[in-house]
Amino acid sequence: MASSQPVRRNTRQRQVVWGELKKLKSHPTASELYDIARQRLPRISLGTVYRNLELLVENGAVRKLEVGGGEARFDADMGEHCHVRCLRCGRVDDLHDLPGTKLPERFTCSNGYDIIGHRLEFIGYCPECKRPEAEKNNENPCSEGG
């Protein structure tokens, strides 16, 4: 049976973008990942990185994080987990094994919605930003947010 989506080649650019993202725990933006990918493929364009990230998201290989109204970040860890975002520098980290009750994967709410998933983002201050001297000086000690 023919697929409704065209078959896409697994290009060298896509392999590098995905490979570099899988190495990171920092949830980079597309432009941050572009800077990293250029070290391996100097001629890769920012548009190519964006397109390949979107394809990886569509194919379920990568999660797109739309956190706090900022630039989208990307996560290759497709396991179940939440995220925490620093309010001062924008850094995003994983939160695994939170205490409390696990929600079922799918359920129906009293208002009629069929729930198929959820996203939960915690906010706070990362270890660097919560240092007293960073707070006092209102500085951003994290050189790279995310």
N, C-alpha and C. Protein backbone atom coordinates (compact mmCIF):
# COMPACT_ATOMS: atom_id res chain seq x y z
N MET A 1 0.85 -1.18 0.00
CA MET A 1 0.00 0.00 0.00
C MET A 1 0.90 1.24 0.00
N ALA A 2 0.58 2.19 -0.82
CA ALA A 2 1.39 3.41 -0.94
C ALA A 2 1.13 4.34 0.24
N SER A 3 2.19 4.96 0.72
CA SER A 3 2.07 5.92 1.82
C SER A 3 1.58 7.25 1.29
N SER A 4 0.85 7.99 2.13
CA SER A 4 0.35 9.30 1.70
C SER A 4 1.45 10.35 1.73
N GLN A 5 2.54 10.07 2.44
CA GLN A 5 3.65 11.02 2.49
C GLN A 5 4.76 10.54 1.57
N PRO A 6 5.44 11.49 0.91
CA PRO A 6 6.54 11.08 0.04
C PRO A 6 7.69 10.50 0.87
N VAL A 7 8.39 9.55 0.29
CA VAL A 7 9.56 8.97 0.96
C VAL A 7 10.68 9.99 0.91
N ARG A 8 11.28 10.23 2.06
CA ARG A 8 12.37 11.21 2.13
C ARG A 8 13.68 10.49 2.38
N ARG A 9 14.69 10.88 1.65
CA ARG A 9 16.02 10.31 1.84
C ARG A 9 16.56 10.72 3.20
N ASN A 10 17.32 9.85 3.80
CA ASN A 10 18.00 10.18 5.04
C ASN A 10 19.33 10.82 4.66
N THR A 11 19.31 12.12 4.45
CA THR A 11 20.47 12.85 3.93
C THR A 11 21.57 12.97 4.99
N ARG A 12 22.74 13.26 4.52
CA ARG A 12 23.90 13.49 5.42
C ARG A 12 23.59 14.64 6.37
N GLN A 13 22.97 15.71 5.86
CA GLN A 13 22.63 16.85 6.72
C GLN A 13 21.70 16.43 7.84
N ARG A 14 20.66 15.63 7.51
CA ARG A 14 19.71 15.17 8.52
C ARG A 14 20.39 14.28 9.54
N GLN A 15 21.29 13.41 9.08
CA GLN A 15 22.03 12.54 9.99
C GLN A 15 22.87 13.36 10.97
N VAL A 16 23.51 14.42 10.48
CA VAL A 16 24.35 15.26 11.34
C VAL A 16 23.48 16.04 12.32
N VAL A 17 22.40 16.64 11.85
CA VAL A 17 21.51 17.41 12.73
C VAL A 17 20.98 16.50 13.84
N TRP A 18 20.48 15.34 13.48
CA TRP A 18 19.91 14.43 14.47
C TRP A 18 21.00 13.88 15.40
N GLY A 19 22.14 13.51 14.81
CA GLY A 19 23.24 12.98 15.61
C GLY A 19 23.75 13.98 16.64
N GLU A 20 23.89 15.22 16.23
CA GLU A 20 24.37 16.24 17.16
C GLU A 20 23.33 16.55 18.23
N LEU A 21 22.06 16.57 17.85
CA LEU A 21 21.00 16.83 18.83
C LEU A 21 20.94 15.71 19.87
N LYS A 22 21.12 14.45 19.44
CA LYS A 22 21.07 13.33 20.37
C LYS A 22 22.19 13.39 21.41
N LYS A 23 23.30 14.04 21.08
CA LYS A 23 24.43 14.15 22.01
C LYS A 23 24.17 15.17 23.11
N LEU A 24 23.23 16.09 22.86
CA LEU A 24 23.03 17.23 23.75
C LEU A 24 21.94 17.00 24.78
N LYS A 25 22.12 17.56 25.94
CA LYS A 25 21.09 17.58 26.98
C LYS A 25 20.56 19.00 27.17
N SER A 26 21.04 19.92 26.35
CA SER A 26 20.78 21.35 26.56
C SER A 26 19.53 21.89 25.85
N HIS A 27 18.82 21.07 25.08
CA HIS A 27 17.62 21.52 24.38
C HIS A 27 17.91 22.77 23.55
N PRO A 28 18.76 22.65 22.53
CA PRO A 28 19.17 23.82 21.76
C PRO A 28 18.07 24.38 20.87
N THR A 29 18.23 25.65 20.50
CA THR A 29 17.41 26.25 19.46
C THR A 29 17.97 25.79 18.12
N ALA A 30 17.24 26.04 17.05
CA ALA A 30 17.74 25.67 15.72
C ALA A 30 19.04 26.40 15.42
N SER A 31 19.14 27.66 15.80
CA SER A 31 20.37 28.40 15.49
C SER A 31 21.55 27.90 16.31
N GLU A 32 21.30 27.46 17.55
CA GLU A 32 22.39 26.88 18.34
C GLU A 32 22.86 25.56 17.73
N LEU A 33 21.89 24.75 17.27
CA LEU A 33 22.24 23.49 16.63
C LEU A 33 22.94 23.72 15.29
N TYR A 34 22.56 24.77 14.61
CA TYR A 34 23.22 25.16 13.36
C TYR A 34 24.70 25.43 13.61
N ASP A 35 25.02 26.18 14.67
CA ASP A 35 26.42 26.47 14.98
C ASP A 35 27.21 25.19 15.24
N ILE A 36 26.58 24.23 15.89
CA ILE A 36 27.24 22.95 16.18
C ILE A 36 27.40 22.12 14.91
N ALA A 37 26.33 22.04 14.10
CA ALA A 37 26.36 21.25 12.87
C ALA A 37 27.40 21.80 11.88
N ARG A 38 27.60 23.09 11.87
CA ARG A 38 28.58 23.71 10.95
C ARG A 38 29.99 23.25 11.23
N GLN A 39 30.26 22.79 12.43
CA GLN A 39 31.60 22.27 12.73
C GLN A 39 31.87 20.98 11.96
N ARG A 40 30.81 20.23 11.66
CA ARG A 40 30.95 18.99 10.89
C ARG A 40 30.65 19.19 9.41
N LEU A 41 29.71 20.10 9.12
CA LEU A 41 29.31 20.40 7.73
C LEU A 41 29.37 21.91 7.54
N PRO A 42 30.53 22.46 7.22
CA PRO A 42 30.67 23.92 7.15
C PRO A 42 29.73 24.60 6.16
N ARG A 43 29.24 23.88 5.16
CA ARG A 43 28.38 24.51 4.14
C ARG A 43 26.90 24.35 4.42
N ILE A 44 26.52 23.75 5.53
CA ILE A 44 25.10 23.58 5.85
C ILE A 44 24.48 24.95 6.12
N SER A 45 23.24 25.15 5.72
CA SER A 45 22.58 26.44 5.94
C SER A 45 21.64 26.34 7.13
N LEU A 46 21.31 27.49 7.69
CA LEU A 46 20.37 27.55 8.80
C LEU A 46 19.00 27.03 8.35
N GLY A 47 18.60 27.34 7.13
CA GLY A 47 17.33 26.85 6.59
C GLY A 47 17.30 25.33 6.53
N THR A 48 18.41 24.72 6.15
CA THR A 48 18.50 23.26 6.10
C THR A 48 18.33 22.66 7.49
N VAL A 49 18.93 23.29 8.49
CA VAL A 49 18.79 22.81 9.87
C VAL A 49 17.33 22.91 10.29
N TYR A 50 16.70 24.06 10.05
CA TYR A 50 15.28 24.22 10.39
C TYR A 50 14.41 23.16 9.70
N ARG A 51 14.59 22.98 8.40
CA ARG A 51 13.78 22.02 7.65
C ARG A 51 13.97 20.60 8.18
N ASN A 52 15.21 20.23 8.47
CA ASN A 52 15.47 18.88 8.96
C ASN A 52 14.93 18.68 10.37
N LEU A 53 15.00 19.70 11.20
CA LEU A 53 14.41 19.59 12.54
C LEU A 53 12.90 19.39 12.44
N GLU A 54 12.25 20.15 11.57
CA GLU A 54 10.80 20.02 11.40
C GLU A 54 10.43 18.63 10.88
N LEU A 55 11.23 18.10 9.96
CA LEU A 55 10.99 16.73 9.46
C LEU A 55 11.16 15.71 10.57
N LEU A 56 12.17 15.88 11.39
CA LEU A 56 12.41 14.96 12.50
C LEU A 56 11.26 15.03 13.51
N VAL A 57 10.72 16.23 13.71
CA VAL A 57 9.56 16.40 14.60
C VAL A 57 8.36 15.67 14.00
N GLU A 58 8.09 15.90 12.71
CA GLU A 58 6.96 15.25 12.02
C GLU A 58 7.06 13.73 12.09
N ASN A 59 8.29 13.21 12.00
CA ASN A 59 8.50 11.76 12.01
C ASN A 59 8.55 11.18 13.42
N GLY A 60 8.41 12.01 14.43
CA GLY A 60 8.40 11.52 15.81
C GLY A 60 9.75 11.18 16.39
N ALA A 61 10.82 11.64 15.75
CA ALA A 61 12.17 11.35 16.25
C ALA A 61 12.66 12.43 17.22
N VAL A 62 12.05 13.61 17.15
CA VAL A 62 12.49 14.77 17.94
C VAL A 62 11.25 15.47 18.48
N ARG A 63 11.39 16.02 19.66
CA ARG A 63 10.30 16.79 20.28
C ARG A 63 10.64 18.28 20.16
N LYS A 64 9.65 19.06 19.73
CA LYS A 64 9.80 20.51 19.64
C LYS A 64 9.22 21.11 20.92
N LEU A 65 10.02 21.90 21.61
CA LEU A 65 9.60 22.52 22.86
C LEU A 65 9.32 23.99 22.62
N GLU A 66 8.10 24.38 22.81
CA GLU A 66 7.71 25.78 22.69
C GLU A 66 7.57 26.28 24.12
N VAL A 67 8.67 26.74 24.69
CA VAL A 67 8.69 27.09 26.11
C VAL A 67 8.70 28.58 26.33
N GLY A 68 7.84 29.02 27.23
CA GLY A 68 7.86 30.39 27.70
C GLY A 68 7.81 31.47 26.65
N GLY A 69 7.21 31.21 25.52
CA GLY A 69 7.07 32.24 24.50
C GLY A 69 8.37 32.58 23.79
N GLY A 70 9.44 31.87 24.09
CA GLY A 70 10.72 32.13 23.43
C GLY A 70 10.88 31.30 22.18
N GLU A 71 12.07 31.31 21.66
CA GLU A 71 12.40 30.54 20.46
C GLU A 71 12.24 29.05 20.76
N ALA A 72 11.72 28.29 19.81
CA ALA A 72 11.52 26.85 19.99
C ALA A 72 12.86 26.17 20.25
N ARG A 73 12.81 25.17 21.10
CA ARG A 73 13.98 24.35 21.42
C ARG A 73 13.65 22.92 21.02
N PHE A 74 14.67 22.09 20.90
CA PHE A 74 14.48 20.73 20.40
C PHE A 74 15.11 19.72 21.35
N ASP A 75 14.44 18.57 21.46
CA ASP A 75 14.82 17.53 22.40
C ASP A 75 14.77 16.19 21.70
N ALA A 76 15.88 15.45 21.69
CA ALA A 76 15.90 14.13 21.06
C ALA A 76 15.49 13.03 22.03
N ASP A 77 15.31 13.36 23.30
CA ASP A 77 14.87 12.38 24.30
C ASP A 77 13.35 12.26 24.21
N MET A 78 12.88 11.20 23.59
CA MET A 78 11.45 11.03 23.38
C MET A 78 10.78 10.26 24.51
N GLY A 79 11.55 9.91 25.54
CA GLY A 79 10.97 9.27 26.71
C GLY A 79 10.07 10.25 27.46
N GLU A 80 9.21 9.71 28.32
CA GLU A 80 8.29 10.55 29.06
C GLU A 80 9.05 11.34 30.13
N HIS A 81 8.98 12.64 30.05
CA HIS A 81 9.60 13.51 31.05
C HIS A 81 9.06 14.93 30.90
N CYS A 82 9.26 15.74 31.93
CA CYS A 82 8.85 17.14 31.91
C CYS A 82 10.10 18.00 31.77
N HIS A 83 9.88 19.30 31.68
CA HIS A 83 10.99 20.25 31.56
C HIS A 83 10.88 21.36 32.58
N VAL A 84 12.02 21.92 32.92
CA VAL A 84 12.07 23.07 33.81
C VAL A 84 12.84 24.16 33.07
N ARG A 85 12.31 25.39 33.11
CA ARG A 85 12.92 26.53 32.40
C ARG A 85 13.33 27.58 33.42
N CYS A 86 14.56 28.07 33.29
CA CYS A 86 15.05 29.13 34.16
C CYS A 86 14.45 30.46 33.71
N LEU A 87 13.86 31.16 34.66
CA LEU A 87 13.23 32.45 34.36
C LEU A 87 14.23 33.55 34.07
N ARG A 88 15.47 33.38 34.51
CA ARG A 88 16.47 34.43 34.30
C ARG A 88 17.24 34.22 32.98
N CYS A 89 17.76 33.03 32.74
CA CYS A 89 18.63 32.83 31.56
C CYS A 89 17.98 32.04 30.44
N GLY A 90 16.84 31.39 30.69
CA GLY A 90 16.15 30.64 29.65
C GLY A 90 16.59 29.20 29.49
N ARG A 91 17.57 28.76 30.28
CA ARG A 91 18.04 27.39 30.21
C ARG A 91 16.87 26.42 30.44
N VAL A 92 16.87 25.30 29.70
CA VAL A 92 15.83 24.29 29.83
C VAL A 92 16.50 22.96 30.16
N ASP A 93 16.01 22.29 31.20
CA ASP A 93 16.54 20.99 31.60
C ASP A 93 15.40 19.98 31.72
N ASP A 94 15.77 18.70 31.65
CA ASP A 94 14.81 17.61 31.83
C ASP A 94 14.50 17.41 33.30
N LEU A 95 13.28 16.97 33.57
CA LEU A 95 12.88 16.51 34.89
C LEU A 95 12.32 15.10 34.73
N HIS A 96 13.00 14.14 35.31
CA HIS A 96 12.55 12.74 35.27
C HIS A 96 12.10 12.33 36.66
N ASP A 97 11.24 11.35 36.71
CA ASP A 97 10.82 10.72 37.97
C ASP A 97 10.33 11.72 39.01
N LEU A 98 9.39 12.54 38.62
CA LEU A 98 8.79 13.48 39.56
C LEU A 98 7.88 12.74 40.54
N PRO A 99 7.84 13.19 41.78
CA PRO A 99 6.91 12.55 42.72
C PRO A 99 5.47 12.90 42.34
N GLY A 100 4.55 12.08 42.74
CA GLY A 100 3.14 12.36 42.46
C GLY A 100 2.52 11.30 41.59
N THR A 101 1.30 11.54 41.24
CA THR A 101 0.53 10.57 40.47
C THR A 101 0.82 10.73 38.98
N LYS A 102 1.01 9.62 38.32
CA LYS A 102 1.18 9.64 36.87
C LYS A 102 -0.19 9.74 36.21
N LEU A 103 -0.29 10.58 35.21
CA LEU A 103 -1.53 10.69 34.45
C LEU A 103 -1.60 9.55 33.45
N PRO A 104 -2.80 9.06 33.18
CA PRO A 104 -2.92 8.05 32.12
C PRO A 104 -2.57 8.69 30.78
N GLU A 105 -2.11 7.85 29.84
CA GLU A 105 -1.71 8.37 28.54
C GLU A 105 -2.89 8.99 27.79
N ARG A 106 -4.04 8.34 27.85
CA ARG A 106 -5.24 8.84 27.17
C ARG A 106 -6.42 8.74 28.12
N PHE A 107 -7.28 9.75 28.09
CA PHE A 107 -8.50 9.71 28.89
C PHE A 107 -9.47 10.77 28.38
N THR A 108 -10.70 10.71 28.85
CA THR A 108 -11.71 11.68 28.47
C THR A 108 -12.04 12.54 29.68
N CYS A 109 -12.07 13.85 29.49
CA CYS A 109 -12.38 14.79 30.58
C CYS A 109 -13.88 14.97 30.71
N SER A 110 -14.28 15.53 31.84
CA SER A 110 -15.70 15.79 32.08
C SER A 110 -16.25 16.83 31.10
N ASN A 111 -15.38 17.65 30.50
CA ASN A 111 -15.85 18.65 29.54
C ASN A 111 -15.89 18.10 28.11
N GLY A 112 -15.65 16.79 27.96
CA GLY A 112 -15.80 16.17 26.65
C GLY A 112 -14.52 16.03 25.83
N TYR A 113 -13.43 16.62 26.26
CA TYR A 113 -12.18 16.48 25.52
C TYR A 113 -11.67 15.05 25.59
N ASP A 114 -11.16 14.54 24.48
CA ASP A 114 -10.40 13.30 24.49
C ASP A 114 -8.93 13.69 24.62
N ILE A 115 -8.34 13.40 25.74
CA ILE A 115 -6.96 13.79 25.99
C ILE A 115 -6.04 12.74 25.38
N ILE A 116 -5.10 13.20 24.56
CA ILE A 116 -4.17 12.28 23.90
C ILE A 116 -2.73 12.48 24.36
N GLY A 117 -2.51 13.46 25.22
CA GLY A 117 -1.17 13.70 25.73
C GLY A 117 -1.16 14.98 26.54
N HIS A 118 0.00 15.30 27.10
CA HIS A 118 0.13 16.54 27.86
C HIS A 118 1.58 17.01 27.82
N ARG A 119 1.76 18.28 28.11
CA ARG A 119 3.08 18.89 28.24
C ARG A 119 3.06 19.68 29.54
N LEU A 120 4.06 19.47 30.35
CA LEU A 120 4.13 20.16 31.61
C LEU A 120 5.49 20.83 31.72
N GLU A 121 5.47 22.14 31.92
CA GLU A 121 6.71 22.90 32.05
C GLU A 121 6.74 23.53 33.44
N PHE A 122 7.84 23.27 34.13
CA PHE A 122 8.06 23.91 35.42
C PHE A 122 8.95 25.12 35.20
N ILE A 123 8.83 26.11 36.05
CA ILE A 123 9.68 27.29 35.95
C ILE A 123 10.37 27.52 37.28
N GLY A 124 11.53 28.13 37.23
CA GLY A 124 12.29 28.40 38.44
C GLY A 124 13.60 29.06 38.07
N TYR A 125 14.59 28.90 38.92
CA TYR A 125 15.92 29.47 38.68
C TYR A 125 16.94 28.34 38.70
N CYS A 126 17.78 28.29 37.67
CA CYS A 126 18.79 27.24 37.57
C CYS A 126 19.85 27.45 38.65
N PRO A 127 20.69 26.43 38.88
CA PRO A 127 21.70 26.56 39.94
C PRO A 127 22.61 27.78 39.79
N GLU A 128 22.95 28.14 38.56
CA GLU A 128 23.82 29.30 38.35
C GLU A 128 23.10 30.61 38.66
N CYS A 129 21.85 30.72 38.23
CA CYS A 129 21.12 31.97 38.40
C CYS A 129 20.61 32.18 39.83
N LYS A 130 20.51 31.14 40.60
CA LYS A 130 20.01 31.32 41.96
C LYS A 130 21.12 31.65 42.96
N ARG A 131 22.35 31.74 42.48
CA ARG A 131 23.45 32.17 43.35
C ARG A 131 23.15 33.56 43.86
N PRO A 132 23.39 33.83 45.12
CA PRO A 132 23.06 35.16 45.70
C PRO A 132 23.71 36.32 44.94
N GLU A 133 24.94 36.15 44.51
CA GLU A 133 25.60 37.27 43.82
C GLU A 133 24.97 37.53 42.45
N ALA A 134 24.46 36.49 41.78
CA ALA A 134 23.79 36.68 40.49
C ALA A 134 22.48 37.42 40.69
N GLU A 135 21.74 37.04 41.74
CA GLU A 135 20.48 37.71 42.05
C GLU A 135 20.69 39.17 42.39
N LYS A 136 21.69 39.42 43.24
CA LYS A 136 21.95 40.78 43.72
C LYS A 136 22.33 41.70 42.57
N ASN A 137 23.15 41.21 41.66
CA ASN A 137 23.62 42.02 40.53
C ASN A 137 22.70 41.93 39.32
N ASN A 138 21.62 41.16 39.43
CA ASN A 138 20.69 40.95 38.32
C ASN A 138 21.42 40.55 37.05
N GLU A 139 22.45 39.70 37.21
CA GLU A 139 23.23 39.27 36.05
C GLU A 139 22.75 37.93 35.57
N ASN A 140 23.11 37.58 34.36
CA ASN A 140 22.80 36.29 33.77
C ASN A 140 24.09 35.49 33.73
N PRO A 141 24.37 34.66 34.75
CA PRO A 141 25.64 33.95 34.80
C PRO A 141 25.75 32.81 33.81
N CYS A 142 24.65 32.41 33.22
CA CYS A 142 24.66 31.33 32.25
C CYS A 142 25.01 31.90 30.88
N SER A 143 26.18 31.56 30.37
CA SER A 143 26.58 32.12 29.09
C SER A 143 25.69 31.65 27.95
N GLU A 144 25.13 30.42 28.06
CA GLU A 144 24.24 29.90 27.03
C GLU A 144 22.95 29.49 27.68
N GLY A 145 21.87 30.16 27.36
CA GLY A 145 20.56 29.73 27.86
C GLY A 145 20.11 28.51 27.10
N GLY A 146 19.66 27.48 27.80
CA GLY A 146 19.08 26.30 27.16
C GLY A 146 20.03 25.22 27.02
